[in-house]
Amino acid sequence: MKIKIAPSLLAADSSRLAEEVKSVEKLGIDFLHIDVMDGHFVPNISIGPAIVKDLRPQTDLPFEAHLMIEQPLKYIERFVEAGADIITVHIETISVSDFRKQAGKLHKRGLRLAIALNPRTPAVKIKTLADSADMVLVMTVHPGFGGQKFIYAVVPKIAEIRSFYKGDIAVDGGINDKNAQAAVKAGANVLACGSYIFKAEDKKKAIEKLRNA
């Protein structure tokens, strides 16, 4: 499968987000990963729908809104209206029936719904809804803050998910060119990557290394 690159805006310079977006757009990335945190599900607060709306006119890149929040059902529509193309919710915060219902609604509008799971959450938790998910996002750090170290113990879970899920599998957290190889070998094909790209002296070279993982 083709390796897709999704730079995570959590690691971008928040004082010049539009410039940061344009700097990676010209390098042929696939979509933007936008972390949304409420200070409850994770111990941090980040980008809200207003910023997503402001960024939308700046690029034609697809936006993935990663909702690391306790009550995602209350906010999905707000992020869709702001311009998100992919909504990612956590299995820890939504029931299987609600996920299926939301997936149906979004699919009718040409949008996508992904499911995420934390490092300690077993793969079996998403198995019954995998056929409704447009992407599975595996957290490779404990969510909440950027710049953490990749948790290699999660790699076997990626392989387990690949055994029953044929769509896009993303990994998110502490990604660099070295651990990306382990994730890709296990079955991941989407790399949501923040610091390794945005803090790089040469973003183009960093992205090329990830694509070749």
N, C-alpha and C. Protein backbone atom coordinates (compact mmCIF):
# COMPACT_ATOMS: atom_id res chain seq x y z
N MET A 1 0.84 -1.20 0.00
CA MET A 1 0.00 0.00 0.00
C MET A 1 0.87 1.25 0.00
N LYS A 2 0.37 2.27 -0.65
CA LYS A 2 1.09 3.55 -0.66
C LYS A 2 1.15 4.13 0.76
N ILE A 3 2.31 4.67 1.12
CA ILE A 3 2.45 5.33 2.42
C ILE A 3 1.91 6.75 2.31
N LYS A 4 0.96 7.08 3.18
CA LYS A 4 0.39 8.42 3.21
C LYS A 4 0.97 9.20 4.39
N ILE A 5 1.21 10.48 4.15
CA ILE A 5 1.80 11.34 5.17
C ILE A 5 0.80 12.40 5.61
N ALA A 6 0.59 12.48 6.93
CA ALA A 6 -0.36 13.45 7.50
C ALA A 6 0.34 14.24 8.60
N PRO A 7 0.96 15.38 8.25
CA PRO A 7 1.61 16.20 9.28
C PRO A 7 0.63 16.64 10.36
N SER A 8 1.07 16.54 11.61
CA SER A 8 0.22 16.90 12.74
C SER A 8 0.46 18.35 13.16
N LEU A 9 -0.59 19.15 13.09
CA LEU A 9 -0.46 20.58 13.39
C LEU A 9 -0.13 20.87 14.85
N LEU A 10 -0.25 19.88 15.72
CA LEU A 10 0.08 20.08 17.13
C LEU A 10 1.54 20.52 17.28
N ALA A 11 2.39 20.10 16.34
CA ALA A 11 3.82 20.43 16.42
C ALA A 11 4.20 21.67 15.62
N ALA A 12 3.23 22.25 14.91
CA ALA A 12 3.52 23.43 14.09
C ALA A 12 3.62 24.68 14.97
N ASP A 13 4.19 25.73 14.41
CA ASP A 13 4.28 27.02 15.10
C ASP A 13 2.89 27.65 15.11
N SER A 14 2.26 27.71 16.26
CA SER A 14 0.88 28.18 16.35
C SER A 14 0.72 29.65 15.99
N SER A 15 1.81 30.40 15.99
CA SER A 15 1.72 31.82 15.64
C SER A 15 1.71 32.05 14.13
N ARG A 16 2.00 30.99 13.36
CA ARG A 16 2.03 31.10 11.90
C ARG A 16 1.53 29.81 11.25
N LEU A 17 0.34 29.39 11.67
CA LEU A 17 -0.20 28.12 11.20
C LEU A 17 -0.41 28.08 9.69
N ALA A 18 -0.92 29.16 9.11
CA ALA A 18 -1.17 29.17 7.66
C ALA A 18 0.13 28.95 6.89
N GLU A 19 1.20 29.61 7.32
CA GLU A 19 2.50 29.43 6.67
C GLU A 19 2.99 27.99 6.83
N GLU A 20 2.81 27.45 8.02
CA GLU A 20 3.24 26.08 8.28
C GLU A 20 2.49 25.09 7.37
N VAL A 21 1.19 25.32 7.21
CA VAL A 21 0.38 24.46 6.34
C VAL A 21 0.90 24.52 4.90
N LYS A 22 1.15 25.72 4.42
CA LYS A 22 1.63 25.88 3.04
C LYS A 22 3.01 25.26 2.86
N SER A 23 3.82 25.28 3.91
CA SER A 23 5.18 24.74 3.80
C SER A 23 5.19 23.23 3.59
N VAL A 24 4.16 22.55 4.10
CA VAL A 24 4.09 21.09 3.90
C VAL A 24 3.20 20.72 2.71
N GLU A 25 2.24 21.58 2.40
CA GLU A 25 1.36 21.31 1.26
C GLU A 25 2.17 21.17 -0.03
N LYS A 26 3.14 22.06 -0.21
CA LYS A 26 3.93 22.04 -1.45
C LYS A 26 4.85 20.83 -1.56
N LEU A 27 4.96 20.07 -0.47
CA LEU A 27 5.83 18.89 -0.47
C LEU A 27 5.06 17.60 -0.77
N GLY A 28 3.79 17.76 -1.14
CA GLY A 28 3.02 16.60 -1.60
C GLY A 28 2.47 15.70 -0.52
N ILE A 29 2.15 16.27 0.64
CA ILE A 29 1.56 15.45 1.71
C ILE A 29 0.13 15.06 1.33
N ASP A 30 -0.45 14.15 2.09
CA ASP A 30 -1.76 13.61 1.73
C ASP A 30 -2.92 14.31 2.43
N PHE A 31 -2.78 14.59 3.71
CA PHE A 31 -3.79 15.38 4.42
C PHE A 31 -3.18 15.93 5.70
N LEU A 32 -3.91 16.82 6.35
CA LEU A 32 -3.44 17.43 7.61
C LEU A 32 -4.15 16.78 8.79
N HIS A 33 -3.38 16.44 9.79
CA HIS A 33 -3.90 15.83 11.01
C HIS A 33 -4.01 16.94 12.07
N ILE A 34 -5.23 17.17 12.53
CA ILE A 34 -5.49 18.27 13.46
C ILE A 34 -5.98 17.71 14.79
N ASP A 35 -5.15 17.81 15.81
CA ASP A 35 -5.51 17.29 17.13
C ASP A 35 -6.43 18.24 17.88
N VAL A 36 -7.52 17.70 18.38
CA VAL A 36 -8.51 18.47 19.13
C VAL A 36 -8.60 17.87 20.53
N MET A 37 -8.29 18.66 21.55
CA MET A 37 -8.27 18.15 22.93
C MET A 37 -9.11 19.03 23.84
N ASP A 38 -9.79 18.39 24.78
CA ASP A 38 -10.74 19.13 25.62
C ASP A 38 -10.29 19.32 27.07
N GLY A 39 -9.11 18.81 27.43
CA GLY A 39 -8.66 18.94 28.81
C GLY A 39 -9.29 17.95 29.75
N HIS A 40 -10.14 17.06 29.22
CA HIS A 40 -10.81 16.04 30.04
C HIS A 40 -10.39 14.63 29.61
N PHE A 41 -10.67 14.29 28.35
CA PHE A 41 -10.24 12.98 27.85
C PHE A 41 -8.72 12.88 27.85
N VAL A 42 -8.08 13.99 27.57
CA VAL A 42 -6.61 14.09 27.66
C VAL A 42 -6.27 15.36 28.44
N PRO A 43 -5.12 15.38 29.11
CA PRO A 43 -4.77 16.53 29.96
C PRO A 43 -4.16 17.71 29.21
N ASN A 44 -4.83 18.14 28.16
CA ASN A 44 -4.33 19.27 27.39
C ASN A 44 -5.49 19.86 26.61
N ILE A 45 -5.35 21.08 26.16
CA ILE A 45 -6.37 21.75 25.35
C ILE A 45 -5.69 22.24 24.08
N SER A 46 -6.36 22.06 22.93
CA SER A 46 -5.73 22.50 21.68
C SER A 46 -6.76 23.10 20.74
N ILE A 47 -6.52 22.97 19.46
CA ILE A 47 -7.29 23.62 18.40
C ILE A 47 -8.78 23.32 18.47
N GLY A 48 -9.60 24.37 18.25
CA GLY A 48 -11.05 24.22 18.19
C GLY A 48 -11.55 24.49 16.79
N PRO A 49 -12.87 24.40 16.57
CA PRO A 49 -13.43 24.56 15.23
C PRO A 49 -13.16 25.92 14.60
N ALA A 50 -13.02 26.98 15.41
CA ALA A 50 -12.78 28.31 14.85
C ALA A 50 -11.47 28.36 14.07
N ILE A 51 -10.44 27.72 14.61
CA ILE A 51 -9.14 27.72 13.92
C ILE A 51 -9.21 26.86 12.67
N VAL A 52 -9.91 25.75 12.74
CA VAL A 52 -10.08 24.90 11.55
C VAL A 52 -10.78 25.70 10.45
N LYS A 53 -11.80 26.44 10.83
CA LYS A 53 -12.53 27.27 9.86
C LYS A 53 -11.63 28.33 9.24
N ASP A 54 -10.77 28.94 10.06
CA ASP A 54 -9.86 29.97 9.55
C ASP A 54 -8.82 29.38 8.60
N LEU A 55 -8.39 28.15 8.86
CA LEU A 55 -7.38 27.51 8.01
C LEU A 55 -7.96 26.97 6.70
N ARG A 56 -9.26 26.69 6.71
CA ARG A 56 -9.86 26.03 5.55
C ARG A 56 -9.62 26.75 4.22
N PRO A 57 -9.75 28.09 4.16
CA PRO A 57 -9.52 28.77 2.88
C PRO A 57 -8.05 28.79 2.45
N GLN A 58 -7.15 28.41 3.34
CA GLN A 58 -5.72 28.52 3.05
C GLN A 58 -5.17 27.35 2.24
N THR A 59 -5.94 26.27 2.13
CA THR A 59 -5.43 25.07 1.46
C THR A 59 -6.57 24.18 0.97
N ASP A 60 -6.27 23.39 -0.06
CA ASP A 60 -7.24 22.41 -0.55
C ASP A 60 -6.99 21.02 0.04
N LEU A 61 -5.98 20.92 0.90
CA LEU A 61 -5.68 19.63 1.52
C LEU A 61 -6.85 19.14 2.37
N PRO A 62 -7.11 17.84 2.38
CA PRO A 62 -8.12 17.31 3.31
C PRO A 62 -7.68 17.55 4.76
N PHE A 63 -8.65 17.81 5.61
CA PHE A 63 -8.40 17.99 7.04
C PHE A 63 -8.94 16.78 7.80
N GLU A 64 -8.12 16.21 8.67
CA GLU A 64 -8.60 15.19 9.59
C GLU A 64 -8.65 15.80 10.98
N ALA A 65 -9.84 15.85 11.56
CA ALA A 65 -10.00 16.35 12.93
C ALA A 65 -10.00 15.16 13.88
N HIS A 66 -8.94 15.05 14.66
CA HIS A 66 -8.78 13.95 15.61
C HIS A 66 -9.35 14.39 16.95
N LEU A 67 -10.57 13.94 17.24
CA LEU A 67 -11.30 14.41 18.42
C LEU A 67 -10.93 13.61 19.66
N MET A 68 -9.96 14.12 20.39
CA MET A 68 -9.57 13.51 21.66
C MET A 68 -10.36 14.20 22.76
N ILE A 69 -11.67 13.94 22.73
CA ILE A 69 -12.58 14.62 23.64
C ILE A 69 -13.59 13.62 24.20
N GLU A 70 -14.15 13.94 25.37
CA GLU A 70 -15.03 13.00 26.07
C GLU A 70 -16.38 12.80 25.39
N GLN A 71 -16.90 13.84 24.75
CA GLN A 71 -18.22 13.74 24.14
C GLN A 71 -18.16 14.13 22.66
N PRO A 72 -17.58 13.28 21.83
CA PRO A 72 -17.39 13.64 20.42
C PRO A 72 -18.68 13.89 19.65
N LEU A 73 -19.76 13.20 20.04
CA LEU A 73 -21.02 13.37 19.32
C LEU A 73 -21.52 14.81 19.35
N LYS A 74 -21.16 15.54 20.40
CA LYS A 74 -21.59 16.94 20.52
C LYS A 74 -20.85 17.87 19.57
N TYR A 75 -19.70 17.41 19.08
CA TYR A 75 -18.83 18.33 18.33
C TYR A 75 -18.54 17.92 16.89
N ILE A 76 -18.95 16.74 16.50
CA ILE A 76 -18.67 16.30 15.13
C ILE A 76 -19.20 17.30 14.11
N GLU A 77 -20.45 17.72 14.27
CA GLU A 77 -21.05 18.62 13.29
C GLU A 77 -20.31 19.96 13.23
N ARG A 78 -19.85 20.45 14.36
CA ARG A 78 -19.14 21.73 14.38
C ARG A 78 -17.84 21.65 13.58
N PHE A 79 -17.16 20.53 13.67
CA PHE A 79 -15.91 20.39 12.91
C PHE A 79 -16.18 20.13 11.44
N VAL A 80 -17.27 19.46 11.13
CA VAL A 80 -17.66 19.28 9.73
C VAL A 80 -17.97 20.64 9.12
N GLU A 81 -18.75 21.44 9.82
CA GLU A 81 -19.09 22.78 9.33
C GLU A 81 -17.86 23.66 9.18
N ALA A 82 -16.85 23.43 10.02
CA ALA A 82 -15.62 24.22 9.96
C ALA A 82 -14.74 23.82 8.78
N GLY A 83 -15.00 22.63 8.22
CA GLY A 83 -14.24 22.23 7.04
C GLY A 83 -13.49 20.92 7.13
N ALA A 84 -13.73 20.13 8.17
CA ALA A 84 -13.05 18.83 8.28
C ALA A 84 -13.62 17.84 7.27
N ASP A 85 -12.75 17.05 6.69
CA ASP A 85 -13.15 16.03 5.72
C ASP A 85 -13.18 14.64 6.34
N ILE A 86 -12.34 14.45 7.34
CA ILE A 86 -12.26 13.18 8.07
C ILE A 86 -12.42 13.49 9.56
N ILE A 87 -13.31 12.79 10.21
CA ILE A 87 -13.47 12.93 11.65
C ILE A 87 -12.97 11.64 12.30
N THR A 88 -12.08 11.78 13.27
CA THR A 88 -11.59 10.61 14.00
C THR A 88 -12.04 10.70 15.45
N VAL A 89 -12.72 9.64 15.90
CA VAL A 89 -13.18 9.59 17.28
C VAL A 89 -12.55 8.37 17.97
N HIS A 90 -12.51 8.40 19.28
CA HIS A 90 -11.88 7.31 20.04
C HIS A 90 -12.90 6.27 20.47
N ILE A 91 -12.52 5.00 20.35
CA ILE A 91 -13.38 3.91 20.79
C ILE A 91 -13.65 4.02 22.29
N GLU A 92 -12.77 4.67 23.01
CA GLU A 92 -12.96 4.86 24.45
C GLU A 92 -14.08 5.85 24.77
N THR A 93 -14.57 6.57 23.74
CA THR A 93 -15.56 7.63 23.98
C THR A 93 -16.87 7.46 23.22
N ILE A 94 -17.01 6.36 22.48
CA ILE A 94 -18.21 6.21 21.65
C ILE A 94 -18.62 4.73 21.62
N SER A 95 -19.93 4.49 21.52
CA SER A 95 -20.42 3.11 21.43
C SER A 95 -20.36 2.65 19.97
N VAL A 96 -20.40 1.34 19.78
CA VAL A 96 -20.38 0.79 18.43
C VAL A 96 -21.58 1.27 17.64
N SER A 97 -22.76 1.27 18.26
CA SER A 97 -23.98 1.69 17.55
C SER A 97 -23.92 3.16 17.16
N ASP A 98 -23.43 4.01 18.05
CA ASP A 98 -23.32 5.44 17.73
C ASP A 98 -22.29 5.66 16.62
N PHE A 99 -21.21 4.90 16.65
CA PHE A 99 -20.20 5.04 15.59
C PHE A 99 -20.81 4.68 14.24
N ARG A 100 -21.52 3.57 14.18
CA ARG A 100 -22.13 3.15 12.91
C ARG A 100 -23.12 4.19 12.41
N LYS A 101 -23.90 4.74 13.33
CA LYS A 101 -24.89 5.75 12.97
C LYS A 101 -24.21 6.99 12.40
N GLN A 102 -23.15 7.45 13.07
CA GLN A 102 -22.42 8.64 12.59
C GLN A 102 -21.73 8.37 11.26
N ALA A 103 -21.19 7.17 11.11
CA ALA A 103 -20.53 6.82 9.85
C ALA A 103 -21.52 6.91 8.69
N GLY A 104 -22.72 6.39 8.90
CA GLY A 104 -23.74 6.46 7.86
C GLY A 104 -24.09 7.88 7.48
N LYS A 105 -24.23 8.74 8.48
CA LYS A 105 -24.56 10.15 8.22
C LYS A 105 -23.45 10.85 7.45
N LEU A 106 -22.22 10.63 7.86
CA LEU A 106 -21.09 11.30 7.21
C LEU A 106 -20.86 10.77 5.80
N HIS A 107 -21.03 9.48 5.60
CA HIS A 107 -20.83 8.90 4.28
C HIS A 107 -21.80 9.49 3.26
N LYS A 108 -23.02 9.76 3.69
CA LYS A 108 -24.01 10.36 2.79
C LYS A 108 -23.58 11.75 2.32
N ARG A 109 -22.71 12.39 3.09
CA ARG A 109 -22.24 13.74 2.76
C ARG A 109 -20.85 13.72 2.11
N GLY A 110 -20.38 12.52 1.80
CA GLY A 110 -19.08 12.40 1.17
C GLY A 110 -17.92 12.60 2.12
N LEU A 111 -18.18 12.43 3.42
CA LEU A 111 -17.15 12.61 4.45
C LEU A 111 -16.77 11.25 5.04
N ARG A 112 -15.70 11.24 5.82
CA ARG A 112 -15.20 9.96 6.36
C ARG A 112 -15.14 10.00 7.89
N LEU A 113 -15.32 8.82 8.47
CA LEU A 113 -15.24 8.68 9.92
C LEU A 113 -14.22 7.59 10.26
N ALA A 114 -13.28 7.94 11.11
CA ALA A 114 -12.23 7.01 11.52
C ALA A 114 -12.37 6.70 13.00
N ILE A 115 -11.82 5.56 13.39
CA ILE A 115 -11.83 5.17 14.80
C ILE A 115 -10.39 5.11 15.32
N ALA A 116 -10.18 5.65 16.51
CA ALA A 116 -8.85 5.65 17.13
C ALA A 116 -8.89 4.82 18.40
N LEU A 117 -7.72 4.30 18.78
CA LEU A 117 -7.64 3.58 20.05
C LEU A 117 -6.31 3.88 20.73
N ASN A 118 -6.39 4.02 22.04
CA ASN A 118 -5.22 4.35 22.85
C ASN A 118 -4.27 3.16 22.99
N PRO A 119 -3.04 3.40 23.42
CA PRO A 119 -2.06 2.31 23.54
C PRO A 119 -2.52 1.12 24.37
N ARG A 120 -3.26 1.38 25.43
CA ARG A 120 -3.68 0.28 26.32
C ARG A 120 -4.98 -0.41 25.87
N THR A 121 -5.63 0.13 24.85
CA THR A 121 -6.90 -0.44 24.39
C THR A 121 -6.63 -1.57 23.40
N PRO A 122 -7.15 -2.77 23.65
CA PRO A 122 -6.88 -3.90 22.75
C PRO A 122 -7.58 -3.77 21.40
N ALA A 123 -7.00 -4.39 20.40
CA ALA A 123 -7.53 -4.32 19.04
C ALA A 123 -8.95 -4.86 18.94
N VAL A 124 -9.27 -5.86 19.75
CA VAL A 124 -10.59 -6.49 19.67
C VAL A 124 -11.72 -5.49 19.92
N LYS A 125 -11.43 -4.40 20.60
CA LYS A 125 -12.46 -3.39 20.91
C LYS A 125 -13.04 -2.75 19.66
N ILE A 126 -12.28 -2.72 18.56
CA ILE A 126 -12.79 -2.07 17.34
C ILE A 126 -13.22 -3.07 16.27
N LYS A 127 -13.07 -4.34 16.56
CA LYS A 127 -13.31 -5.36 15.53
C LYS A 127 -14.74 -5.34 15.00
N THR A 128 -15.72 -5.12 15.87
CA THR A 128 -17.11 -5.19 15.44
C THR A 128 -17.56 -3.96 14.64
N LEU A 129 -16.79 -2.88 14.68
CA LEU A 129 -17.18 -1.71 13.90
C LEU A 129 -16.22 -1.41 12.75
N ALA A 130 -15.22 -2.26 12.58
CA ALA A 130 -14.19 -2.00 11.57
C ALA A 130 -14.78 -1.85 10.17
N ASP A 131 -15.86 -2.59 9.87
CA ASP A 131 -16.44 -2.50 8.54
C ASP A 131 -17.09 -1.16 8.27
N SER A 132 -17.34 -0.36 9.30
CA SER A 132 -17.93 0.97 9.14
C SER A 132 -16.88 2.08 9.16
N ALA A 133 -15.65 1.75 9.53
CA ALA A 133 -14.60 2.76 9.70
C ALA A 133 -13.85 3.00 8.40
N ASP A 134 -13.60 4.27 8.10
CA ASP A 134 -12.84 4.63 6.91
C ASP A 134 -11.34 4.60 7.16
N MET A 135 -10.96 4.57 8.42
CA MET A 135 -9.55 4.49 8.80
C MET A 135 -9.49 4.08 10.26
N VAL A 136 -8.45 3.36 10.62
CA VAL A 136 -8.18 3.05 12.03
C VAL A 136 -6.91 3.78 12.42
N LEU A 137 -6.97 4.54 13.50
CA LEU A 137 -5.80 5.27 13.98
C LEU A 137 -5.32 4.66 15.29
N VAL A 138 -4.09 4.17 15.27
CA VAL A 138 -3.50 3.54 16.45
C VAL A 138 -2.58 4.54 17.13
N MET A 139 -2.91 4.89 18.37
CA MET A 139 -2.05 5.80 19.12
C MET A 139 -0.78 5.06 19.54
N THR A 140 0.36 5.65 19.20
CA THR A 140 1.65 5.04 19.56
C THR A 140 2.34 5.84 20.67
N VAL A 141 1.59 6.75 21.27
CA VAL A 141 1.97 7.42 22.53
C VAL A 141 0.67 7.57 23.32
N HIS A 142 0.77 7.90 24.59
CA HIS A 142 -0.43 8.21 25.37
C HIS A 142 -0.86 9.62 24.97
N PRO A 143 -2.09 9.79 24.50
CA PRO A 143 -2.50 11.06 23.91
C PRO A 143 -2.50 12.23 24.89
N GLY A 144 -2.26 13.41 24.32
CA GLY A 144 -2.32 14.63 25.11
C GLY A 144 -1.24 15.64 24.80
N PHE A 145 -0.04 15.16 24.52
CA PHE A 145 1.08 16.07 24.27
C PHE A 145 1.95 15.56 23.13
N GLY A 146 2.50 16.49 22.34
CA GLY A 146 3.40 16.13 21.27
C GLY A 146 4.80 15.88 21.82
N GLY A 147 5.65 15.32 20.97
CA GLY A 147 7.05 15.15 21.34
C GLY A 147 7.35 13.95 22.22
N GLN A 148 6.36 13.05 22.41
CA GLN A 148 6.61 11.86 23.24
C GLN A 148 7.33 10.77 22.44
N LYS A 149 7.85 9.78 23.16
CA LYS A 149 8.54 8.68 22.51
C LYS A 149 7.57 7.59 22.07
N PHE A 150 7.80 7.08 20.89
CA PHE A 150 7.02 6.00 20.30
C PHE A 150 7.03 4.77 21.21
N ILE A 151 5.85 4.18 21.41
CA ILE A 151 5.72 2.99 22.25
C ILE A 151 5.77 1.74 21.36
N TYR A 152 6.91 1.08 21.34
CA TYR A 152 7.09 -0.09 20.47
C TYR A 152 6.17 -1.25 20.84
N ALA A 153 5.71 -1.29 22.07
CA ALA A 153 4.82 -2.37 22.50
C ALA A 153 3.49 -2.36 21.76
N VAL A 154 3.19 -1.27 21.07
CA VAL A 154 1.94 -1.16 20.33
C VAL A 154 2.04 -1.83 18.95
N VAL A 155 3.25 -2.05 18.46
CA VAL A 155 3.44 -2.57 17.10
C VAL A 155 2.69 -3.88 16.85
N PRO A 156 2.70 -4.86 17.75
CA PRO A 156 1.94 -6.09 17.49
C PRO A 156 0.43 -5.83 17.32
N LYS A 157 -0.07 -4.80 17.97
CA LYS A 157 -1.49 -4.46 17.83
C LYS A 157 -1.80 -3.99 16.41
N ILE A 158 -0.86 -3.28 15.80
CA ILE A 158 -1.04 -2.84 14.41
C ILE A 158 -1.20 -4.07 13.52
N ALA A 159 -0.34 -5.05 13.72
CA ALA A 159 -0.41 -6.28 12.93
C ALA A 159 -1.72 -7.02 13.16
N GLU A 160 -2.19 -7.03 14.40
CA GLU A 160 -3.46 -7.70 14.71
C GLU A 160 -4.62 -7.01 13.99
N ILE A 161 -4.62 -5.68 13.99
CA ILE A 161 -5.68 -4.94 13.30
C ILE A 161 -5.61 -5.20 11.80
N ARG A 162 -4.40 -5.23 11.25
CA ARG A 162 -4.26 -5.49 9.81
C ARG A 162 -4.82 -6.86 9.44
N SER A 163 -4.82 -7.79 10.36
CA SER A 163 -5.32 -9.14 10.07
C SER A 163 -6.83 -9.16 9.81
N PHE A 164 -7.56 -8.16 10.32
CA PHE A 164 -9.01 -8.13 10.08
C PHE A 164 -9.50 -6.84 9.43
N TYR A 165 -8.60 -5.91 9.15
CA TYR A 165 -9.01 -4.63 8.57
C TYR A 165 -8.14 -4.32 7.35
N LYS A 166 -8.78 -4.09 6.22
CA LYS A 166 -8.04 -3.90 4.96
C LYS A 166 -7.91 -2.43 4.54
N GLY A 167 -8.50 -1.52 5.28
CA GLY A 167 -8.43 -0.11 4.93
C GLY A 167 -7.17 0.56 5.46
N ASP A 168 -7.20 1.90 5.49
CA ASP A 168 -6.05 2.66 5.98
C ASP A 168 -5.86 2.46 7.48
N ILE A 169 -4.63 2.17 7.87
CA ILE A 169 -4.27 2.13 9.29
C ILE A 169 -3.23 3.21 9.53
N ALA A 170 -3.58 4.15 10.40
CA ALA A 170 -2.68 5.26 10.73
C ALA A 170 -2.02 5.01 12.08
N VAL A 171 -0.82 5.53 12.22
CA VAL A 171 -0.15 5.55 13.52
C VAL A 171 0.11 7.00 13.88
N ASP A 172 -0.04 7.31 15.15
CA ASP A 172 0.03 8.70 15.60
C ASP A 172 0.76 8.77 16.94
N GLY A 173 1.92 9.43 16.93
CA GLY A 173 2.63 9.65 18.19
C GLY A 173 4.09 9.25 18.14
N GLY A 174 4.98 10.23 18.21
CA GLY A 174 6.40 9.95 18.28
C GLY A 174 7.00 9.36 17.02
N ILE A 175 6.34 9.58 15.88
CA ILE A 175 6.78 8.95 14.63
C ILE A 175 8.04 9.61 14.08
N ASN A 176 9.01 8.78 13.69
CA ASN A 176 10.18 9.25 12.95
C ASN A 176 10.51 8.20 11.89
N ASP A 177 11.58 8.43 11.13
CA ASP A 177 11.89 7.52 10.02
C ASP A 177 12.27 6.12 10.50
N LYS A 178 12.77 6.00 11.71
CA LYS A 178 13.19 4.70 12.23
C LYS A 178 11.99 3.86 12.69
N ASN A 179 11.20 4.41 13.61
CA ASN A 179 10.07 3.60 14.11
C ASN A 179 8.96 3.47 13.08
N ALA A 180 8.92 4.38 12.10
CA ALA A 180 7.93 4.26 11.03
C ALA A 180 8.12 2.95 10.28
N GLN A 181 9.36 2.50 10.16
CA GLN A 181 9.63 1.24 9.48
C GLN A 181 8.96 0.07 10.20
N ALA A 182 9.03 0.08 11.52
CA ALA A 182 8.40 -0.98 12.31
C ALA A 182 6.88 -0.94 12.16
N ALA A 183 6.32 0.27 12.17
CA ALA A 183 4.87 0.43 12.04
C ALA A 183 4.38 -0.02 10.67
N VAL A 184 5.12 0.37 9.63
CA VAL A 184 4.74 0.01 8.26
C VAL A 184 4.87 -1.50 8.05
N LYS A 185 5.92 -2.08 8.56
CA LYS A 185 6.11 -3.53 8.44
C LYS A 185 4.96 -4.29 9.10
N ALA A 186 4.43 -3.73 10.18
CA ALA A 186 3.31 -4.37 10.89
C ALA A 186 1.98 -4.18 10.17
N GLY A 187 1.91 -3.21 9.25
CA GLY A 187 0.68 -3.03 8.49
C GLY A 187 0.15 -1.62 8.39
N ALA A 188 0.79 -0.65 9.04
CA ALA A 188 0.33 0.74 8.94
C ALA A 188 0.70 1.31 7.57
N ASN A 189 -0.15 2.20 7.05
CA ASN A 189 0.17 2.86 5.78
C ASN A 189 -0.07 4.37 5.83
N VAL A 190 -0.47 4.88 6.99
CA VAL A 190 -0.64 6.33 7.18
C VAL A 190 0.20 6.75 8.38
N LEU A 191 1.04 7.75 8.18
CA LEU A 191 1.91 8.23 9.25
C LEU A 191 1.51 9.65 9.63
N ALA A 192 0.87 9.78 10.81
CA ALA A 192 0.54 11.10 11.35
C ALA A 192 1.74 11.54 12.17
N CYS A 193 2.40 12.57 11.70
CA CYS A 193 3.72 12.90 12.25
C CYS A 193 3.85 14.39 12.47
N GLY A 194 4.22 14.78 13.68
CA GLY A 194 4.32 16.20 14.02
C GLY A 194 5.73 16.73 14.08
N SER A 195 6.38 16.51 15.20
CA SER A 195 7.70 17.10 15.46
C SER A 195 8.73 16.71 14.42
N TYR A 196 8.72 15.46 13.97
CA TYR A 196 9.73 15.00 13.02
C TYR A 196 9.68 15.80 11.72
N ILE A 197 8.47 16.25 11.34
CA ILE A 197 8.33 17.05 10.12
C ILE A 197 8.50 18.54 10.42
N PHE A 198 7.69 19.06 11.34
CA PHE A 198 7.67 20.51 11.55
C PHE A 198 8.94 21.06 12.21
N LYS A 199 9.66 20.23 12.95
CA LYS A 199 10.89 20.69 13.59
C LYS A 199 12.13 20.37 12.74
N ALA A 200 11.93 19.75 11.59
CA ALA A 200 13.05 19.35 10.74
C ALA A 200 13.69 20.56 10.06
N GLU A 201 15.00 20.51 9.91
CA GLU A 201 15.69 21.55 9.15
C GLU A 201 15.32 21.45 7.68
N ASP A 202 15.09 20.25 7.22
CA ASP A 202 14.71 20.00 5.83
C ASP A 202 13.43 19.16 5.82
N LYS A 203 12.28 19.83 5.72
CA LYS A 203 10.99 19.12 5.76
C LYS A 203 10.85 18.14 4.60
N LYS A 204 11.34 18.55 3.43
CA LYS A 204 11.22 17.69 2.25
C LYS A 204 11.94 16.36 2.48
N LYS A 205 13.14 16.43 3.00
CA LYS A 205 13.91 15.21 3.25
C LYS A 205 13.24 14.35 4.32
N ALA A 206 12.70 14.99 5.35
CA ALA A 206 12.02 14.25 6.41
C ALA A 206 10.82 13.48 5.86
N ILE A 207 10.06 14.14 4.99
CA ILE A 207 8.88 13.49 4.40
C ILE A 207 9.30 12.36 3.47
N GLU A 208 10.35 12.56 2.71
CA GLU A 208 10.85 11.51 1.82
C GLU A 208 11.27 10.27 2.61
N LYS A 209 11.92 10.48 3.75
CA LYS A 209 12.34 9.35 4.58
C LYS A 209 11.13 8.58 5.11
N LEU A 210 10.08 9.31 5.47
CA LEU A 210 8.87 8.64 5.94
C LEU A 210 8.21 7.85 4.82
N ARG A 211 8.15 8.43 3.64
CA ARG A 211 7.52 7.74 2.51
C ARG A 211 8.24 6.45 2.17
N ASN A 212 9.53 6.42 2.41
CA ASN A 212 10.34 5.25 2.08
C ASN A 212 10.48 4.27 3.25
N ALA A 213 9.71 4.50 4.30
CA ALA A 213 9.82 3.63 5.50
C ALA A 213 9.46 2.19 5.17
